[in-house]
Amino acid sequence: MKQKGFTLIELLVVIAIIGILATIVLASLNSARVKANDVAVKSNLDNARAQAELFYDSNSQSYLTVCSAAGGISQMVTGANAQGGSSGTAVSNVATTAASATQAVCHDSAAGWAAQVPLKSDSTQSWCVDNTGVSKQEPSATGLPASAFKCA
């Protein structure tokens, strides 16, 4: 008499194939997640540029304190920093602080501002935006120097 069903070996082969496929899919999803975080960093900083212009118009044509004042861009830079997965200080609005691979910085003066946030996909790279319209990726180590109000 012939029995119906699967043998133990057939079941183990199917489970192994499903496990391999699941591993491949999860690895691809992780890569997409990291890229999505970088896009979120760039988007937050692009939105910060628009907010900074509104701040400029409502503060006597001055960017001074745009990095720290209510109505400024501090929350956007902080949000970008969180999306980038940085473990460093969220925002430094002290113009004498240079950017680093683990720290988002925002410098402001009456005439200009610049903000830089590390990217999640590459810890040696950051995204920098400023009031002149520059929005670009640059090395974290040589990015926004102390007392700079424009991206390098």
N, C-alpha and C. Protein backbone atom coordinates (compact mmCIF):
# COMPACT_ATOMS: atom_id res chain seq x y z
N MET A 1 0.83 -1.16 0.00
CA MET A 1 0.00 0.00 0.00
C MET A 1 0.90 1.25 0.00
N LYS A 2 0.56 2.19 -0.86
CA LYS A 2 1.34 3.40 -1.03
C LYS A 2 0.77 4.51 -0.14
N GLN A 3 1.65 5.17 0.64
CA GLN A 3 1.20 6.24 1.52
C GLN A 3 1.40 7.59 0.84
N LYS A 4 0.47 8.50 1.14
CA LYS A 4 0.56 9.85 0.59
C LYS A 4 1.25 10.75 1.60
N GLY A 5 1.95 11.79 1.07
CA GLY A 5 2.61 12.75 1.95
C GLY A 5 4.04 13.00 1.53
N PHE A 6 4.72 13.83 2.31
CA PHE A 6 6.10 14.20 2.02
C PHE A 6 7.03 13.48 2.98
N THR A 7 8.22 13.19 2.46
CA THR A 7 9.22 12.58 3.34
C THR A 7 9.89 13.69 4.16
N LEU A 8 10.58 13.29 5.18
CA LEU A 8 11.26 14.24 6.04
C LEU A 8 12.33 15.02 5.25
N ILE A 9 13.02 14.36 4.37
CA ILE A 9 14.07 15.02 3.57
C ILE A 9 13.46 16.07 2.66
N GLU A 10 12.34 15.78 2.04
CA GLU A 10 11.67 16.76 1.16
C GLU A 10 11.26 18.00 1.96
N LEU A 11 10.74 17.81 3.14
CA LEU A 11 10.35 18.94 3.98
C LEU A 11 11.57 19.78 4.39
N LEU A 12 12.67 19.14 4.74
CA LEU A 12 13.88 19.86 5.13
C LEU A 12 14.45 20.67 3.96
N VAL A 13 14.41 20.11 2.76
CA VAL A 13 14.90 20.83 1.58
C VAL A 13 14.05 22.08 1.34
N VAL A 14 12.74 21.96 1.44
CA VAL A 14 11.84 23.10 1.23
C VAL A 14 12.10 24.18 2.29
N ILE A 15 12.26 23.78 3.55
CA ILE A 15 12.53 24.74 4.62
C ILE A 15 13.86 25.44 4.39
N ALA A 16 14.88 24.72 3.94
CA ALA A 16 16.18 25.32 3.66
C ALA A 16 16.08 26.34 2.53
N ILE A 17 15.35 26.02 1.49
CA ILE A 17 15.18 26.96 0.37
C ILE A 17 14.45 28.22 0.83
N ILE A 18 13.41 28.07 1.61
CA ILE A 18 12.68 29.23 2.13
C ILE A 18 13.60 30.08 3.01
N GLY A 19 14.43 29.46 3.82
CA GLY A 19 15.36 30.19 4.68
C GLY A 19 16.37 31.00 3.87
N ILE A 20 16.90 30.41 2.81
CA ILE A 20 17.86 31.12 1.95
C ILE A 20 17.19 32.32 1.28
N LEU A 21 16.00 32.13 0.75
CA LEU A 21 15.28 33.22 0.10
C LEU A 21 14.95 34.34 1.10
N ALA A 22 14.56 33.98 2.31
CA ALA A 22 14.25 34.99 3.32
C ALA A 22 15.50 35.80 3.68
N THR A 23 16.64 35.16 3.76
CA THR A 23 17.89 35.86 4.06
C THR A 23 18.22 36.86 2.97
N ILE A 24 18.06 36.48 1.72
CA ILE A 24 18.34 37.38 0.60
C ILE A 24 17.41 38.59 0.63
N VAL A 25 16.14 38.35 0.88
CA VAL A 25 15.16 39.44 0.91
C VAL A 25 15.46 40.40 2.06
N LEU A 26 15.76 39.87 3.23
CA LEU A 26 16.05 40.73 4.39
C LEU A 26 17.31 41.56 4.18
N ALA A 27 18.32 41.00 3.54
CA ALA A 27 19.54 41.76 3.25
C ALA A 27 19.24 42.91 2.30
N SER A 28 18.40 42.68 1.31
CA SER A 28 18.03 43.73 0.37
C SER A 28 17.21 44.82 1.06
N LEU A 29 16.34 44.43 1.97
CA LEU A 29 15.52 45.40 2.68
C LEU A 29 16.37 46.30 3.58
N ASN A 30 17.39 45.74 4.18
CA ASN A 30 18.25 46.55 5.05
C ASN A 30 18.98 47.62 4.24
N SER A 31 19.45 47.26 3.07
CA SER A 31 20.11 48.22 2.19
C SER A 31 19.15 49.34 1.79
N ALA A 32 17.93 48.98 1.47
CA ALA A 32 16.92 49.98 1.10
C ALA A 32 16.59 50.88 2.28
N ARG A 33 16.57 50.33 3.48
CA ARG A 33 16.27 51.11 4.68
C ARG A 33 17.34 52.16 4.94
N VAL A 34 18.59 51.80 4.75
CA VAL A 34 19.70 52.74 4.95
C VAL A 34 19.63 53.86 3.91
N LYS A 35 19.34 53.51 2.67
CA LYS A 35 19.21 54.53 1.62
C LYS A 35 18.03 55.45 1.91
N ALA A 36 16.95 54.90 2.42
CA ALA A 36 15.78 55.72 2.77
C ALA A 36 16.12 56.71 3.88
N ASN A 37 16.94 56.30 4.84
CA ASN A 37 17.36 57.21 5.91
C ASN A 37 18.19 58.37 5.34
N ASP A 38 19.05 58.08 4.37
CA ASP A 38 19.82 59.15 3.74
C ASP A 38 18.92 60.13 2.99
N VAL A 39 17.90 59.60 2.33
CA VAL A 39 16.95 60.47 1.63
C VAL A 39 16.19 61.34 2.63
N ALA A 40 15.86 60.79 3.79
CA ALA A 40 15.17 61.56 4.82
C ALA A 40 16.07 62.68 5.35
N VAL A 41 17.36 62.42 5.51
CA VAL A 41 18.31 63.45 5.94
C VAL A 41 18.31 64.59 4.92
N LYS A 42 18.43 64.25 3.65
CA LYS A 42 18.48 65.27 2.59
C LYS A 42 17.17 66.06 2.53
N SER A 43 16.06 65.36 2.68
CA SER A 43 14.75 66.03 2.63
C SER A 43 14.58 67.00 3.80
N ASN A 44 14.94 66.56 5.01
CA ASN A 44 14.84 67.44 6.18
C ASN A 44 15.68 68.69 6.01
N LEU A 45 16.89 68.53 5.49
CA LEU A 45 17.76 69.69 5.31
C LEU A 45 17.27 70.60 4.18
N ASP A 46 16.68 70.04 3.14
CA ASP A 46 16.09 70.89 2.09
C ASP A 46 14.91 71.68 2.63
N ASN A 47 14.11 71.05 3.49
CA ASN A 47 13.01 71.76 4.13
C ASN A 47 13.53 72.84 5.08
N ALA A 48 14.67 72.58 5.70
CA ALA A 48 15.27 73.56 6.60
C ALA A 48 15.65 74.82 5.83
N ARG A 49 16.08 74.66 4.58
CA ARG A 49 16.45 75.83 3.78
C ARG A 49 15.24 76.74 3.58
N ALA A 50 14.09 76.14 3.25
CA ALA A 50 12.87 76.94 3.07
C ALA A 50 12.46 77.62 4.37
N GLN A 51 12.56 76.90 5.49
CA GLN A 51 12.22 77.48 6.78
C GLN A 51 13.16 78.62 7.14
N ALA A 52 14.43 78.47 6.81
CA ALA A 52 15.40 79.52 7.11
C ALA A 52 15.08 80.80 6.33
N GLU A 53 14.59 80.65 5.12
CA GLU A 53 14.22 81.84 4.34
C GLU A 53 13.01 82.55 4.95
N LEU A 54 12.08 81.76 5.46
CA LEU A 54 10.94 82.37 6.16
C LEU A 54 11.41 83.10 7.41
N PHE A 55 12.33 82.48 8.13
CA PHE A 55 12.91 83.08 9.33
C PHE A 55 13.61 84.40 8.96
N TYR A 56 14.37 84.40 7.87
CA TYR A 56 15.09 85.57 7.39
C TYR A 56 14.13 86.73 7.11
N ASP A 57 13.03 86.42 6.43
CA ASP A 57 12.05 87.46 6.09
C ASP A 57 11.36 88.04 7.32
N SER A 58 11.14 87.21 8.33
CA SER A 58 10.42 87.70 9.51
C SER A 58 11.35 88.23 10.61
N ASN A 59 12.65 88.21 10.38
CA ASN A 59 13.61 88.69 11.39
C ASN A 59 14.53 89.77 10.83
N SER A 60 13.93 90.76 10.24
CA SER A 60 14.66 91.95 9.76
C SER A 60 15.81 91.60 8.82
N GLN A 61 15.57 90.66 7.91
CA GLN A 61 16.58 90.27 6.91
C GLN A 61 17.87 89.79 7.55
N SER A 62 17.74 88.94 8.58
CA SER A 62 18.91 88.43 9.28
C SER A 62 18.73 86.93 9.57
N TYR A 63 19.81 86.16 9.37
CA TYR A 63 19.79 84.73 9.71
C TYR A 63 20.28 84.48 11.14
N LEU A 64 20.68 85.52 11.84
CA LEU A 64 21.24 85.35 13.18
C LEU A 64 20.26 84.59 14.07
N THR A 65 20.70 83.57 14.71
CA THR A 65 19.97 82.63 15.60
C THR A 65 19.01 81.71 14.85
N VAL A 66 19.12 81.59 13.51
CA VAL A 66 18.25 80.68 12.78
C VAL A 66 18.47 79.22 13.24
N CYS A 67 19.65 78.92 13.74
CA CYS A 67 19.95 77.56 14.18
C CYS A 67 19.39 77.22 15.56
N SER A 68 19.01 78.24 16.32
CA SER A 68 18.58 77.96 17.69
C SER A 68 17.25 78.57 18.08
N ALA A 69 16.82 79.61 17.41
CA ALA A 69 15.61 80.34 17.82
C ALA A 69 14.34 79.57 17.48
N ALA A 70 13.29 79.89 18.21
CA ALA A 70 11.98 79.34 17.87
C ALA A 70 11.63 79.83 16.47
N GLY A 71 11.12 78.95 15.66
CA GLY A 71 10.82 79.31 14.29
C GLY A 71 12.01 79.13 13.37
N GLY A 72 13.13 78.72 13.93
CA GLY A 72 14.34 78.47 13.13
C GLY A 72 14.38 77.04 12.62
N ILE A 73 15.57 76.55 12.38
CA ILE A 73 15.72 75.24 11.75
C ILE A 73 16.29 74.16 12.68
N SER A 74 16.40 74.47 13.96
CA SER A 74 17.00 73.52 14.90
C SER A 74 16.29 72.17 14.90
N GLN A 75 14.97 72.18 14.92
CA GLN A 75 14.22 70.91 14.95
C GLN A 75 14.42 70.11 13.68
N MET A 76 14.54 70.78 12.54
CA MET A 76 14.75 70.08 11.28
C MET A 76 16.14 69.44 11.22
N VAL A 77 17.13 70.15 11.72
CA VAL A 77 18.48 69.60 11.74
C VAL A 77 18.54 68.44 12.73
N THR A 78 17.86 68.59 13.86
CA THR A 78 17.79 67.50 14.84
C THR A 78 17.10 66.28 14.24
N GLY A 79 16.02 66.50 13.52
CA GLY A 79 15.31 65.39 12.86
C GLY A 79 16.17 64.71 11.82
N ALA A 80 16.90 65.48 11.05
CA ALA A 80 17.80 64.92 10.04
C ALA A 80 18.89 64.10 10.72
N ASN A 81 19.39 64.61 11.84
CA ASN A 81 20.43 63.89 12.57
C ASN A 81 19.91 62.55 13.08
N ALA A 82 18.69 62.53 13.57
CA ALA A 82 18.09 61.28 14.06
C ALA A 82 17.89 60.29 12.91
N GLN A 83 17.46 60.78 11.76
CA GLN A 83 17.29 59.91 10.59
C GLN A 83 18.62 59.34 10.13
N GLY A 84 19.66 60.14 10.26
CA GLY A 84 20.99 59.67 9.86
C GLY A 84 21.56 58.65 10.81
N GLY A 85 20.92 58.48 11.95
CA GLY A 85 21.38 57.49 12.91
C GLY A 85 22.63 57.90 13.65
N SER A 86 22.90 59.19 13.70
CA SER A 86 24.09 59.66 14.37
C SER A 86 23.99 59.45 15.87
N SER A 87 25.11 59.05 16.45
CA SER A 87 25.13 58.85 17.90
C SER A 87 25.68 60.08 18.62
N GLY A 88 26.04 61.08 17.86
CA GLY A 88 26.65 62.27 18.45
C GLY A 88 25.62 63.31 18.84
N THR A 89 26.11 64.49 19.16
CA THR A 89 25.27 65.61 19.54
C THR A 89 24.29 65.93 18.43
N ALA A 90 23.05 66.18 18.79
CA ALA A 90 22.02 66.43 17.78
C ALA A 90 22.31 67.69 16.98
N VAL A 91 22.52 68.79 17.62
CA VAL A 91 22.77 70.05 16.90
C VAL A 91 23.73 70.88 17.72
N SER A 92 24.70 71.43 17.06
CA SER A 92 25.57 72.41 17.70
C SER A 92 25.40 73.69 16.92
N ASN A 93 24.91 74.73 17.56
CA ASN A 93 24.76 75.99 16.86
C ASN A 93 25.90 76.94 17.21
N VAL A 94 26.94 76.41 17.79
CA VAL A 94 28.11 77.22 18.11
C VAL A 94 28.97 77.29 16.85
N ALA A 95 29.14 78.45 16.31
CA ALA A 95 29.84 78.61 15.04
C ALA A 95 31.30 78.18 15.12
N THR A 96 31.82 78.01 16.31
CA THR A 96 33.22 77.60 16.43
C THR A 96 33.38 76.09 16.44
N THR A 97 32.28 75.35 16.32
CA THR A 97 32.34 73.89 16.32
C THR A 97 32.40 73.38 14.88
N ALA A 98 33.42 72.61 14.57
CA ALA A 98 33.54 72.02 13.23
C ALA A 98 32.71 70.75 13.17
N ALA A 99 32.29 70.39 11.97
CA ALA A 99 31.51 69.18 11.77
C ALA A 99 32.39 67.96 12.02
N SER A 100 31.74 66.85 12.39
CA SER A 100 32.45 65.60 12.56
C SER A 100 31.58 64.48 12.03
N ALA A 101 32.10 63.27 12.03
CA ALA A 101 31.35 62.14 11.49
C ALA A 101 30.18 61.75 12.38
N THR A 102 30.13 62.24 13.61
CA THR A 102 29.06 61.86 14.52
C THR A 102 28.25 63.04 15.03
N GLN A 103 28.41 64.19 14.42
CA GLN A 103 27.74 65.37 14.95
C GLN A 103 27.15 66.21 13.84
N ALA A 104 25.88 66.54 14.00
CA ALA A 104 25.24 67.50 13.11
C ALA A 104 25.56 68.88 13.63
N VAL A 105 25.88 69.78 12.73
CA VAL A 105 26.18 71.15 13.15
C VAL A 105 25.37 72.14 12.32
N CYS A 106 25.13 73.28 12.91
CA CYS A 106 24.43 74.37 12.24
C CYS A 106 25.10 75.66 12.68
N HIS A 107 25.61 76.41 11.73
CA HIS A 107 26.26 77.68 12.03
C HIS A 107 25.41 78.80 11.45
N ASP A 108 25.28 79.90 12.18
CA ASP A 108 24.54 81.03 11.64
C ASP A 108 25.22 82.35 11.96
N SER A 109 24.97 83.32 11.11
CA SER A 109 25.40 84.69 11.31
C SER A 109 24.30 85.56 10.71
N ALA A 110 24.43 86.85 10.81
CA ALA A 110 23.40 87.73 10.24
C ALA A 110 23.31 87.56 8.73
N ALA A 111 24.42 87.28 8.07
CA ALA A 111 24.44 87.22 6.61
C ALA A 111 24.27 85.83 6.03
N GLY A 112 24.41 84.78 6.81
CA GLY A 112 24.30 83.43 6.24
C GLY A 112 24.23 82.34 7.28
N TRP A 113 24.00 81.12 6.81
CA TRP A 113 23.93 79.95 7.68
C TRP A 113 24.33 78.72 6.87
N ALA A 114 24.70 77.68 7.56
CA ALA A 114 25.00 76.39 6.94
C ALA A 114 24.74 75.29 7.96
N ALA A 115 24.25 74.16 7.48
CA ALA A 115 24.01 73.00 8.35
C ALA A 115 24.56 71.75 7.68
N GLN A 116 25.11 70.86 8.49
CA GLN A 116 25.68 69.63 7.97
C GLN A 116 25.31 68.47 8.90
N VAL A 117 24.87 67.36 8.29
CA VAL A 117 24.44 66.19 9.04
C VAL A 117 25.10 64.93 8.45
N PRO A 118 25.67 64.05 9.29
CA PRO A 118 26.26 62.81 8.79
C PRO A 118 25.21 61.90 8.14
N LEU A 119 25.62 61.18 7.10
CA LEU A 119 24.74 60.23 6.42
C LEU A 119 24.88 58.85 7.06
N LYS A 120 23.81 58.07 7.00
CA LYS A 120 23.82 56.75 7.62
C LYS A 120 24.56 55.72 6.76
N SER A 121 24.47 55.86 5.44
CA SER A 121 25.06 54.85 4.56
C SER A 121 26.58 54.86 4.56
N ASP A 122 27.16 56.00 4.87
CA ASP A 122 28.62 56.13 4.87
C ASP A 122 29.00 57.12 5.96
N SER A 123 29.57 56.63 7.03
CA SER A 123 29.86 57.48 8.19
C SER A 123 30.94 58.52 7.90
N THR A 124 31.62 58.41 6.78
CA THR A 124 32.64 59.41 6.44
C THR A 124 32.06 60.54 5.59
N GLN A 125 30.77 60.46 5.25
CA GLN A 125 30.14 61.46 4.40
C GLN A 125 29.01 62.18 5.14
N SER A 126 28.80 63.43 4.77
CA SER A 126 27.72 64.23 5.35
C SER A 126 26.98 64.96 4.24
N TRP A 127 25.78 65.43 4.56
CA TRP A 127 25.00 66.26 3.64
C TRP A 127 25.02 67.68 4.18
N CYS A 128 25.34 68.64 3.33
CA CYS A 128 25.47 70.02 3.74
C CYS A 128 24.55 70.91 2.91
N VAL A 129 23.86 71.84 3.57
CA VAL A 129 23.04 72.85 2.90
C VAL A 129 23.37 74.21 3.50
N ASP A 130 23.19 75.25 2.69
CA ASP A 130 23.41 76.60 3.20
C ASP A 130 22.46 77.59 2.54
N ASN A 131 22.56 78.84 2.93
CA ASN A 131 21.63 79.84 2.45
C ASN A 131 21.86 80.25 1.00
N THR A 132 22.98 79.85 0.40
CA THR A 132 23.25 80.20 -1.00
C THR A 132 22.60 79.22 -1.98
N GLY A 133 21.97 78.19 -1.46
CA GLY A 133 21.33 77.20 -2.32
C GLY A 133 22.13 75.93 -2.52
N VAL A 134 23.31 75.87 -1.93
CA VAL A 134 24.14 74.67 -2.06
C VAL A 134 23.51 73.54 -1.25
N SER A 135 23.47 72.38 -1.85
CA SER A 135 22.97 71.17 -1.19
C SER A 135 23.79 70.02 -1.75
N LYS A 136 24.76 69.54 -0.95
CA LYS A 136 25.67 68.55 -1.52
C LYS A 136 26.25 67.63 -0.45
N GLN A 137 26.77 66.52 -0.95
CA GLN A 137 27.45 65.56 -0.08
C GLN A 137 28.92 65.93 -0.04
N GLU A 138 29.48 65.83 1.15
CA GLU A 138 30.90 66.12 1.29
C GLU A 138 31.47 65.29 2.43
N PRO A 139 32.78 65.08 2.44
CA PRO A 139 33.39 64.30 3.52
C PRO A 139 33.16 64.96 4.87
N SER A 140 32.81 64.17 5.85
CA SER A 140 32.54 64.71 7.19
C SER A 140 33.76 65.41 7.77
N ALA A 141 34.92 64.81 7.58
CA ALA A 141 36.13 65.36 8.19
C ALA A 141 36.52 66.71 7.60
N THR A 142 36.23 66.93 6.32
CA THR A 142 36.61 68.20 5.70
C THR A 142 35.38 69.03 5.35
N GLY A 143 34.27 68.70 5.93
CA GLY A 143 33.02 69.38 5.62
C GLY A 143 32.95 70.79 6.17
N LEU A 144 31.98 71.04 6.99
CA LEU A 144 31.70 72.38 7.50
C LEU A 144 32.72 72.76 8.58
N PRO A 145 33.70 73.59 8.24
CA PRO A 145 34.69 73.96 9.23
C PRO A 145 34.12 74.91 10.29
N ALA A 146 34.83 75.07 11.35
CA ALA A 146 34.42 76.02 12.40
C ALA A 146 34.32 77.41 11.80
N SER A 147 33.34 78.15 12.24
CA SER A 147 33.08 79.53 11.79
C SER A 147 32.76 79.65 10.31
N ALA A 148 32.31 78.56 9.67
CA ALA A 148 31.92 78.61 8.26
C ALA A 148 30.42 78.75 8.14
N PHE A 149 29.98 79.58 7.22
CA PHE A 149 28.57 79.79 7.01
C PHE A 149 28.15 79.41 5.60
N LYS A 150 29.04 78.64 4.93
CA LYS A 150 28.77 78.10 3.60
C LYS A 150 29.36 76.70 3.53
N CYS A 151 28.72 75.83 2.76
CA CYS A 151 29.26 74.49 2.57
C CYS A 151 30.60 74.58 1.84
N ALA A 152 31.51 73.68 2.16
CA ALA A 152 32.85 73.71 1.55
C ALA A 152 32.81 73.46 0.06
